[in-house]
C-alpha cells in the first residue's frame, strides 16, 4: 500500500506502463521469431519479414521499451542472418 497520494499515482502509472511494455516486448519477440522462421523456410518472403521486424524494433525504441543500442544490435544480427542465408542459397545453385 502506498503511503502518499503521489506514491499511489506512481504505482498506477507503473502498472499501466508495465502492461504496455509487456505488449511491446511480446510484439518484438514475435516479429523476430517470424523472421527467423521465414529464413529457415524460404528466402522469398524473408526481406519483407525483416522489414517488419526492424520496424517493430524501432517502434519499441521510440516508446522507450528497449534501448537504441539493443535494437541496433538485434537489427544487425537479423540482417547478418539474412545475408548468410542468401549467400548459402546462392552457393548451392
PDB file of N, CA and C in Angstrom:
ATOM      1  N   UNK A   1       0.838  -1.190   0.000  1.00  0.00           N
ATOM      2  CA  UNK A   1       0.000   0.000   0.000  1.00  0.00           C
ATOM      3  C   UNK A   1       0.877   1.244   0.000  1.00  0.00           C
ATOM      4  N   UNK A   2       0.567   2.174  -0.871  1.00  0.00           N
ATOM      5  CA  UNK A   2       1.335   3.418  -0.894  1.00  0.00           C
ATOM      6  C   UNK A   2       1.005   4.296   0.310  1.00  0.00           C
ATOM      7  N   UNK A   3       2.003   5.021   0.777  1.00  0.00           N
ATOM      8  CA  UNK A   3       1.807   5.887   1.939  1.00  0.00           C
ATOM      9  C   UNK A   3       1.275   7.259   1.562  1.00  0.00           C
ATOM     10  N   UNK A   4       1.587   7.716   0.366  1.00  0.00           N
ATOM     11  CA  UNK A   4       1.152   9.053  -0.036  1.00  0.00           C
ATOM     12  C   UNK A   4       0.329   8.981  -1.310  1.00  0.00           C
ATOM     13  N   UNK A   5      -0.351  10.087  -1.595  1.00  0.00           N
ATOM     14  CA  UNK A   5      -1.176  10.165  -2.795  1.00  0.00           C
ATOM     15  C   UNK A   5      -0.320  10.024  -4.054  1.00  0.00           C
ATOM     16  N   UNK A   6       0.825  10.699  -4.051  1.00  0.00           N
ATOM     17  CA  UNK A   6       1.695  10.643  -5.235  1.00  0.00           C
ATOM     18  C   UNK A   6       2.266   9.237  -5.431  1.00  0.00           C
ATOM     19  N   UNK A   7       2.531   8.545  -4.342  1.00  0.00           N
ATOM     20  CA  UNK A   7       3.025   7.169  -4.454  1.00  0.00           C
ATOM     21  C   UNK A   7       1.955   6.272  -5.065  1.00  0.00           C
ATOM     22  N   UNK A   8       0.714   6.534  -4.732  1.00  0.00           N
ATOM     23  CA  UNK A   8      -0.394   5.781  -5.325  1.00  0.00           C
ATOM     24  C   UNK A   8      -0.494   6.018  -6.822  1.00  0.00           C
ATOM     25  N   UNK A   9      -0.336   7.283  -7.218  1.00  0.00           N
ATOM     26  CA  UNK A   9      -0.362   7.613  -8.653  1.00  0.00           C
ATOM     27  C   UNK A   9       0.784   6.927  -9.384  1.00  0.00           C
ATOM     28  N   UNK A  10       1.964   6.991  -8.789  1.00  0.00           N
ATOM     29  CA  UNK A  10       3.131   6.361  -9.412  1.00  0.00           C
ATOM     30  C   UNK A  10       2.924   4.851  -9.556  1.00  0.00           C
ATOM     31  N   UNK A  11       2.286   4.254  -8.562  1.00  0.00           N
ATOM     32  CA  UNK A  11       2.027   2.823  -8.605  1.00  0.00           C
ATOM     33  C   UNK A  11       1.076   2.481  -9.757  1.00  0.00           C
ATOM     34  N   UNK A  12       0.034   3.292  -9.927  1.00  0.00           N
ATOM     35  CA  UNK A  12      -0.921   3.061 -11.022  1.00  0.00           C
ATOM     36  C   UNK A  12      -0.247   3.264 -12.376  1.00  0.00           C
ATOM     37  N   UNK A  13       0.536   4.341 -12.489  1.00  0.00           N
ATOM     38  CA  UNK A  13       1.249   4.595 -13.743  1.00  0.00           C
ATOM     39  C   UNK A  13       2.207   3.457 -14.073  1.00  0.00           C
ATOM     40  N   UNK A  14       2.895   2.989 -13.051  1.00  0.00           N
ATOM     41  CA  UNK A  14       3.849   1.907 -13.238  1.00  0.00           C
ATOM     42  C   UNK A  14       3.149   0.646 -13.740  1.00  0.00           C
ATOM     43  N   UNK A  15       1.982   0.367 -13.188  1.00  0.00           N
ATOM     44  CA  UNK A  15       1.226  -0.814 -13.619  1.00  0.00           C
ATOM     45  C   UNK A  15       0.804  -0.680 -15.080  1.00  0.00           C
ATOM     46  N   UNK A  16       0.359   0.523 -15.471  1.00  0.00           N
ATOM     47  CA  UNK A  16      -0.038   0.754 -16.868  1.00  0.00           C
ATOM     48  C   UNK A  16       1.146   0.582 -17.809  1.00  0.00           C
ATOM     49  N   UNK A  17       2.276   1.163 -17.415  1.00  0.00           N
ATOM     50  CA  UNK A  17       3.465   1.085 -18.261  1.00  0.00           C
ATOM     51  C   UNK A  17       3.979  -0.349 -18.363  1.00  0.00           C
ATOM     52  N   UNK A  18       3.852  -1.091 -17.278  1.00  0.00           N
ATOM     53  CA  UNK A  18       4.302  -2.479 -17.285  1.00  0.00           C
ATOM     54  C   UNK A  18       3.505  -3.293 -18.299  1.00  0.00           C
ATOM     55  N   UNK A  19       2.198  -3.058 -18.344  1.00  0.00           N
ATOM     56  CA  UNK A  19       1.350  -3.770 -19.305  1.00  0.00           C
ATOM     57  C   UNK A  19       1.753  -3.399 -20.726  1.00  0.00           C
ATOM     58  N   UNK A  20       1.929  -2.099 -20.980  1.00  0.00           N
ATOM     59  CA  UNK A  20       2.311  -1.651 -22.321  1.00  0.00           C
ATOM     60  C   UNK A  20       3.669  -2.225 -22.724  1.00  0.00           C
ATOM     61  N   UNK A  21       4.631  -2.174 -21.801  1.00  0.00           N
ATOM     62  CA  UNK A  21       5.967  -2.691 -22.102  1.00  0.00           C
ATOM     63  C   UNK A  21       5.926  -4.176 -22.424  1.00  0.00           C
ATOM     64  N   UNK A  22       5.107  -4.919 -21.689  1.00  0.00           N
ATOM     65  CA  UNK A  22       4.975  -6.350 -21.937  1.00  0.00           C
ATOM     66  C   UNK A  22       4.422  -6.604 -23.331  1.00  0.00           C
ATOM     67  N   UNK A  23       3.411  -5.833 -23.719  1.00  0.00           N
ATOM     68  CA  UNK A  23       2.810  -5.988 -25.045  1.00  0.00           C
ATOM     69  C   UNK A  23       3.844  -5.691 -26.129  1.00  0.00           C
ATOM     70  N   UNK A  24       4.569  -4.603 -25.976  1.00  0.00           N
ATOM     71  CA  UNK A  24       5.546  -4.205 -26.996  1.00  0.00           C
ATOM     72  C   UNK A  24       6.680  -5.220 -27.076  1.00  0.00           C
ATOM     73  N   UNK A  25       7.174  -5.685 -25.931  1.00  0.00           N
ATOM     74  CA  UNK A  25       8.245  -6.688 -25.935  1.00  0.00           C
ATOM     75  C   UNK A  25       7.781  -7.972 -26.610  1.00  0.00           C
ATOM     76  N   UNK A  26       6.537  -8.354 -26.361  1.00  0.00           N
ATOM     77  CA  UNK A  26       5.984  -9.549 -26.991  1.00  0.00           C
ATOM     78  C   UNK A  26       5.912  -9.369 -28.503  1.00  0.00           C
ATOM     79  N   UNK A  27       5.516  -8.186 -28.954  1.00  0.00           N
ATOM     80  CA  UNK A  27       5.468  -7.914 -30.390  1.00  0.00           C
ATOM     81  C   UNK A  27       6.858  -8.024 -31.011  1.00  0.00           C
ATOM     82  N   UNK A  28       7.859  -7.523 -30.316  1.00  0.00           N
ATOM     83  CA  UNK A  28       9.231  -7.597 -30.820  1.00  0.00           C
ATOM     84  C   UNK A  28       9.665  -9.055 -30.928  1.00  0.00           C
ATOM     85  N   UNK A  29       9.445  -9.818 -29.874  1.00  0.00           N
ATOM     86  CA  UNK A  29       9.849 -11.221 -29.878  1.00  0.00           C
ATOM     87  C   UNK A  29       9.147 -11.990 -30.989  1.00  0.00           C
ATOM     88  N   UNK A  30       7.857 -11.725 -31.178  1.00  0.00           N
ATOM     89  CA  UNK A  30       7.093 -12.406 -32.214  1.00  0.00           C
ATOM     90  C   UNK A  30       7.628 -12.062 -33.597  1.00  0.00           C
ATOM     91  N   UNK A  31       7.925 -10.798 -33.832  1.00  0.00           N
ATOM     92  CA  UNK A  31       8.447 -10.377 -35.134  1.00  0.00           C
ATOM     93  C   UNK A  31       9.795 -11.037 -35.421  1.00  0.00           C
ATOM     94  N   UNK A  32      10.649 -11.119 -34.413  1.00  0.00           N
ATOM     95  CA  UNK A  32      11.961 -11.742 -34.592  1.00  0.00           C
ATOM     96  C   UNK A  32      11.801 -13.238 -34.860  1.00  0.00           C
ATOM     97  N   UNK A  33      10.904 -13.891 -34.134  1.00  0.00           N
ATOM     98  CA  UNK A  33      10.669 -15.321 -34.349  1.00  0.00           C
ATOM     99  C   UNK A  33      10.129 -15.582 -35.747  1.00  0.00           C
ATOM    100  N   UNK A  34       9.209 -14.728 -36.209  1.00  0.00           N
ATOM    101  CA  UNK A  34       8.662 -14.889 -37.558  1.00  0.00           C
ATOM    102  C   UNK A  34       9.755 -14.727 -38.604  1.00  0.00           C
ATOM    103  N   UNK A  35      10.656 -13.784 -38.387  1.00  0.00           N
ATOM    104  CA  UNK A  35      11.751 -13.588 -39.330  1.00  0.00           C
ATOM    105  C   UNK A  35      12.646 -14.818 -39.365  1.00  0.00           C
ATOM    106  N   UNK A  36      13.020 -15.321 -38.200  1.00  0.00           N
ATOM    107  CA  UNK A  36      13.902 -16.491 -38.160  1.00  0.00           C
ATOM    108  C   UNK A  36      13.238 -17.699 -38.821  1.00  0.00           C
ATOM    109  N   UNK A  37      11.927 -17.851 -38.617  1.00  0.00           N
ATOM    110  CA  UNK A  37      11.195 -18.940 -39.270  1.00  0.00           C
ATOM    111  C   UNK A  37      11.165 -18.739 -40.782  1.00  0.00           C
ATOM    112  N   UNK A  38      11.012 -17.506 -41.227  1.00  0.00           N
ATOM    113  CA  UNK A  38      10.987 -17.212 -42.664  1.00  0.00           C
ATOM    114  C   UNK A  38      12.338 -17.517 -43.301  1.00  0.00           C
ATOM    115  N   UNK A  39      13.412 -17.210 -42.597  1.00  0.00           N
ATOM    116  CA  UNK A  39      14.749 -17.500 -43.122  1.00  0.00           C
ATOM    117  C   UNK A  39      14.946 -19.011 -43.220  1.00  0.00           C
ATOM    118  N   UNK A  40      14.458 -19.741 -42.233  1.00  0.00           N
ATOM    119  CA  UNK A  40      14.594 -21.201 -42.245  1.00  0.00           C
ATOM    120  C   UNK A  40      13.809 -21.826 -43.395  1.00  0.00           C
ATOM    121  N   UNK A  41      12.586 -21.326 -43.621  1.00  0.00           N
ATOM    122  CA  UNK A  41      11.707 -21.969 -44.601  1.00  0.00           C
ATOM    123  C   UNK A  41      11.970 -21.495 -46.025  1.00  0.00           C
ATOM    124  N   UNK A  42      11.857 -20.190 -46.271  1.00  0.00           N
ATOM    125  CA  UNK A  42      12.057 -19.708 -47.637  1.00  0.00           C
ATOM    126  C   UNK A  42      12.632 -18.301 -47.618  1.00  0.00           C
ATOM    127  N   UNK A  43      13.458 -18.040 -48.604  1.00  0.00           N
ATOM    128  CA  UNK A  43      14.093 -16.729 -48.680  1.00  0.00           C
ATOM    129  C   UNK A  43      13.247 -15.727 -49.447  1.00  0.00           C
ATOM    130  N   UNK A  44      12.161 -16.190 -50.065  1.00  0.00           N
ATOM    131  CA  UNK A  44      11.339 -15.286 -50.870  1.00  0.00           C
ATOM    132  C   UNK A  44      10.713 -14.184 -50.028  1.00  0.00           C
ATOM    133  N   UNK A  45      10.170 -14.552 -48.871  1.00  0.00           N
ATOM    134  CA  UNK A  45       9.464 -13.575 -48.038  1.00  0.00           C
ATOM    135  C   UNK A  45      10.356 -12.959 -46.964  1.00  0.00           C
ATOM    136  N   UNK A  46      11.566 -13.463 -46.815  1.00  0.00           N
ATOM    137  CA  UNK A  46      12.433 -13.012 -45.723  1.00  0.00           C
ATOM    138  C   UNK A  46      12.716 -11.512 -45.702  1.00  0.00           C
ATOM    139  N   UNK A  47      13.021 -10.868 -46.844  1.00  0.00           N
ATOM    140  CA  UNK A  47      13.291  -9.421 -46.772  1.00  0.00           C
ATOM    141  C   UNK A  47      12.096  -8.613 -46.264  1.00  0.00           C
ATOM    142  N   UNK A  48      10.895  -9.007 -46.657  1.00  0.00           N
ATOM    143  CA  UNK A  48       9.699  -8.297 -46.185  1.00  0.00           C
ATOM    144  C   UNK A  48       9.503  -8.518 -44.684  1.00  0.00           C
ATOM    145  N   UNK A  49       9.715  -9.739 -44.229  1.00  0.00           N
ATOM    146  CA  UNK A  49       9.567 -10.044 -42.800  1.00  0.00           C
ATOM    147  C   UNK A  49      10.658  -9.327 -42.001  1.00  0.00           C
ATOM    148  N   UNK A  50      11.846  -9.201 -42.586  1.00  0.00           N
ATOM    149  CA  UNK A  50      12.922  -8.448 -41.928  1.00  0.00           C
ATOM    150  C   UNK A  50      12.516  -6.992 -41.762  1.00  0.00           C
ATOM    151  N   UNK A  51      11.909  -6.423 -42.790  1.00  0.00           N
ATOM    152  CA  UNK A  51      11.464  -5.027 -42.724  1.00  0.00           C
ATOM    153  C   UNK A  51      10.462  -4.843 -41.581  1.00  0.00           C
ATOM    154  N   UNK A  52       9.551  -5.798 -41.431  1.00  0.00           N
ATOM    155  CA  UNK A  52       8.556  -5.725 -40.352  1.00  0.00           C
ATOM    156  C   UNK A  52       9.243  -5.826 -38.989  1.00  0.00           C
ATOM    157  N   UNK A  53      10.206  -6.731 -38.865  1.00  0.00           N
ATOM    158  CA  UNK A  53      10.912  -6.906 -37.591  1.00  0.00           C
ATOM    159  C   UNK A  53      11.693  -5.641 -37.219  1.00  0.00           C
ATOM    160  N   UNK A  54      12.354  -5.042 -38.197  1.00  0.00           N
ATOM    161  CA  UNK A  54      13.116  -3.815 -37.935  1.00  0.00           C
ATOM    162  C   UNK A  54      12.178  -2.681 -37.540  1.00  0.00           C
ATOM    163  N   UNK A  55      11.051  -2.597 -38.211  1.00  0.00           N
ATOM    164  CA  UNK A  55      10.063  -1.568 -37.882  1.00  0.00           C
ATOM    165  C   UNK A  55       9.550  -1.746 -36.457  1.00  0.00           C
ATOM    166  N   UNK A  56       9.292  -2.989 -36.076  1.00  0.00           N
ATOM    167  CA  UNK A  56       8.811  -3.277 -34.721  1.00  0.00           C
ATOM    168  C   UNK A  56       9.865  -2.885 -33.685  1.00  0.00           C
ATOM    169  N   UNK A  57      11.116  -3.189 -33.966  1.00  0.00           N
ATOM    170  CA  UNK A  57      12.195  -2.806 -33.048  1.00  0.00           C
ATOM    171  C   UNK A  57      12.288  -1.289 -32.915  1.00  0.00           C
ATOM    172  N   UNK A  58      12.194  -0.578 -34.040  1.00  0.00           N
ATOM    173  CA  UNK A  58      12.273   0.884 -33.993  1.00  0.00           C
ATOM    174  C   UNK A  58      11.114   1.488 -33.207  1.00  0.00           C
ATOM    175  N   UNK A  59       9.936   0.905 -33.345  1.00  0.00           N
ATOM    176  CA  UNK A  59       8.778   1.402 -32.595  1.00  0.00           C
ATOM    177  C   UNK A  59       8.967   1.170 -31.099  1.00  0.00           C
ATOM    178  N   UNK A  60       9.571   0.035 -30.738  1.00  0.00           N
ATOM    179  CA  UNK A  60       9.831  -0.247 -29.325  1.00  0.00           C
ATOM    180  C   UNK A  60      10.817   0.765 -28.751  1.00  0.00           C
ATOM    181  N   UNK A  61      11.810   1.157 -29.553  1.00  0.00           N
ATOM    182  CA  UNK A  61      12.774   2.171 -29.106  1.00  0.00           C
ATOM    183  C   UNK A  61      12.065   3.499 -28.925  1.00  0.00           C
ATOM    184  N   UNK A  62      11.223   3.838 -29.880  1.00  0.00           N
ATOM    185  CA  UNK A  62      10.503   5.113 -29.832  1.00  0.00           C
ATOM    186  C   UNK A  62       9.637   5.210 -28.578  1.00  0.00           C
ATOM    187  N   UNK A  63       9.078   4.076 -28.159  1.00  0.00           N
ATOM    188  CA  UNK A  63       8.230   4.059 -26.969  1.00  0.00           C
ATOM    189  C   UNK A  63       9.041   3.926 -25.686  1.00  0.00           C
ATOM    190  N   UNK A  64      10.347   3.747 -25.810  1.00  0.00           N
ATOM    191  CA  UNK A  64      11.199   3.672 -24.633  1.00  0.00           C
ATOM    192  C   UNK A  64      11.200   2.316 -23.959  1.00  0.00           C
ATOM    193  N   UNK A  65      10.774   1.295 -24.675  1.00  0.00           N
ATOM    194  CA  UNK A  65      10.703  -0.036 -24.077  1.00  0.00           C
ATOM    195  C   UNK A  65      12.066  -0.718 -24.111  1.00  0.00           C
ATOM    196  N   UNK A  66      12.792  -0.557 -25.218  1.00  0.00           N
ATOM    197  CA  UNK A  66      14.151  -1.080 -25.293  1.00  0.00           C
ATOM    198  C   UNK A  66      15.089   0.057 -25.689  1.00  0.00           C
ATOM    199  N   UNK A  67      16.369  -0.137 -25.424  1.00  0.00           N
ATOM    200  CA  UNK A  67      17.352   0.907 -25.712  1.00  0.00           C
ATOM    201  C   UNK A  67      17.765   0.869 -27.176  1.00  0.00           C
ATOM    202  N   UNK A  68      18.220   2.008 -27.654  1.00  0.00           N
ATOM    203  CA  UNK A  68      18.621   2.156 -29.061  1.00  0.00           C
ATOM    204  C   UNK A  68      19.711   1.152 -29.438  1.00  0.00           C
ATOM    205  N   UNK A  69      20.735   1.012 -28.590  1.00  0.00           N
ATOM    206  CA  UNK A  69      21.836   0.096 -28.914  1.00  0.00           C
ATOM    207  C   UNK A  69      21.364  -1.349 -28.973  1.00  0.00           C
ATOM    208  N   UNK A  70      20.445  -1.712 -28.101  1.00  0.00           N
ATOM    209  CA  UNK A  70      19.900  -3.065 -28.105  1.00  0.00           C
ATOM    210  C   UNK A  70      19.185  -3.335 -29.418  1.00  0.00           C
ATOM    211  N   UNK A  71      18.377  -2.390 -29.849  1.00  0.00           N
ATOM    212  CA  UNK A  71      17.648  -2.548 -31.107  1.00  0.00           C
ATOM    213  C   UNK A  71      18.617  -2.603 -32.281  1.00  0.00           C
ATOM    214  N   UNK A  72      19.624  -1.744 -32.273  1.00  0.00           N
ATOM    215  CA  UNK A  72      20.608  -1.743 -33.357  1.00  0.00           C
ATOM    216  C   UNK A  72      21.343  -3.080 -33.431  1.00  0.00           C
ATOM    217  N   UNK A  73      21.701  -3.622 -32.278  1.00  0.00           N
ATOM    218  CA  UNK A  73      22.393  -4.911 -32.238  1.00  0.00           C
ATOM    219  C   UNK A  73      21.508  -6.022 -32.798  1.00  0.00           C
ATOM    220  N   UNK A  74      20.234  -6.024 -32.388  1.00  0.00           N
ATOM    221  CA  UNK A  74      19.303  -7.042 -32.885  1.00  0.00           C
ATOM    222  C   UNK A  74      19.097  -6.906 -34.392  1.00  0.00           C
ATOM    223  N   UNK A  75      18.943  -5.667 -34.870  1.00  0.00           N
ATOM    224  CA  UNK A  75      18.749  -5.439 -36.306  1.00  0.00           C
ATOM    225  C   UNK A  75      19.966  -5.917 -37.086  1.00  0.00           C
ATOM    226  N   UNK A  76      21.144  -5.643 -36.561  1.00  0.00           N
ATOM    227  CA  UNK A  76      22.371  -6.067 -37.218  1.00  0.00           C
ATOM    228  C   UNK A  76      22.439  -7.588 -37.313  1.00  0.00           C
ATOM    229  N   UNK A  77      22.112  -8.254 -36.237  1.00  0.00           N
ATOM    230  CA  UNK A  77      22.171  -9.718 -36.225  1.00  0.00           C
ATOM    231  C   UNK A  77      21.140 -10.327 -37.169  1.00  0.00           C
ATOM    232  N   UNK A  78      19.961  -9.723 -37.233  1.00  0.00           N
ATOM    233  CA  UNK A  78      18.937 -10.227 -38.148  1.00  0.00           C
ATOM    234  C   UNK A  78      19.382 -10.050 -39.599  1.00  0.00           C
ATOM    235  N   UNK A  79      19.957  -8.900 -39.904  1.00  0.00           N
ATOM    236  CA  UNK A  79      20.427  -8.637 -41.266  1.00  0.00           C
ATOM    237  C   UNK A  79      21.549  -9.595 -41.641  1.00  0.00           C
ATOM    238  N   UNK A  80      22.454  -9.847 -40.713  1.00  0.00           N
ATOM    239  CA  UNK A  80      23.543 -10.792 -40.961  1.00  0.00           C
ATOM    240  C   UNK A  80      22.976 -12.186 -41.220  1.00  0.00           C
ATOM    241  N   UNK A  81      21.958 -12.583 -40.470  1.00  0.00           N
ATOM    242  CA  UNK A  81      21.338 -13.895 -40.666  1.00  0.00           C
ATOM    243  C   UNK A  81      20.739 -14.008 -42.065  1.00  0.00           C
ATOM    244  N   UNK A  82      20.080 -12.943 -42.515  1.00  0.00           N
ATOM    245  CA  UNK A  82      19.502 -12.950 -43.864  1.00  0.00           C
ATOM    246  C   UNK A  82      20.607 -13.028 -44.915  1.00  0.00           C
ATOM    247  N   UNK A  83      21.666 -12.261 -44.734  1.00  0.00           N
ATOM    248  CA  UNK A  83      22.769 -12.274 -45.701  1.00  0.00           C
ATOM    249  C   UNK A  83      23.441 -13.645 -45.775  1.00  0.00           C
ATOM    250  N   UNK A  84      23.618 -14.296 -44.622  1.00  0.00           N
ATOM    251  CA  UNK A  84      24.216 -15.633 -44.605  1.00  0.00           C
ATOM    252  C   UNK A  84      23.328 -16.628 -45.334  1.00  0.00           C
ATOM    253  N   UNK A  85      22.032 -16.558 -45.070  1.00  0.00           N
ATOM    254  CA  UNK A  85      21.102 -17.485 -45.715  1.00  0.00           C
ATOM    255  C   UNK A  85      21.062 -17.251 -47.222  1.00  0.00           C
ATOM    256  N   UNK A  86      21.092 -15.997 -47.625  1.00  0.00           N
ATOM    257  CA  UNK A  86      21.085 -15.666 -49.053  1.00  0.00           C
ATOM    258  C   UNK A  86      22.363 -16.164 -49.720  1.00  0.00           C
ATOM    259  N   UNK A  87      23.497 -15.981 -49.058  1.00  0.00           N
ATOM    260  CA  UNK A  87      24.775 -16.442 -49.605  1.00  0.00           C
ATOM    261  C   UNK A  87      24.805 -17.963 -49.706  1.00  0.00           C
ATOM    262  N   UNK A  88      24.263 -18.634 -48.700  1.00  0.00           N
ATOM    263  CA  UNK A  88      24.230 -20.095 -48.717  1.00  0.00           C
ATOM    264  C   UNK A  88      23.342 -20.600 -49.851  1.00  0.00           C
ATOM    265  N   UNK A  89      22.221 -19.925 -50.075  1.00  0.00           N
ATOM    266  CA  UNK A  89      21.318 -20.321 -51.157  1.00  0.00           C
ATOM    267  C   UNK A  89      21.972 -20.081 -52.516  1.00  0.00           C
ATOM    268  N   UNK A  90      22.715 -18.991 -52.636  1.00  0.00           N
ATOM    269  CA  UNK A  90      23.395 -18.686 -53.895  1.00  0.00           C
ATOM    270  C   UNK A  90      24.527 -19.682 -54.150  1.00  0.00           C
ATOM    271  N   UNK A  91      25.196 -20.114 -53.099  1.00  0.00           N
ATOM    272  CA  UNK A  91      26.301 -21.061 -53.242  1.00  0.00           C
ATOM    273  C   UNK A  91      25.797 -22.436 -53.671  1.00  0.00           C
ATOM    274  N   UNK A  92      24.586 -22.797 -53.261  1.00  0.00           N
ATOM    275  CA  UNK A  92      24.016 -24.096 -53.629  1.00  0.00           C
ATOM    276  C   UNK A  92      23.718 -24.174 -55.119  1.00  0.00           C
ATOM    277  N   UNK A  93      23.360 -23.036 -55.702  1.00  0.00           N
ATOM    278  CA  UNK A  93      22.965 -23.037 -57.118  1.00  0.00           C
ATOM    279  C   UNK A  93      24.106 -23.139 -58.057  1.00  0.00           C
TER     280      UNK A  93
END
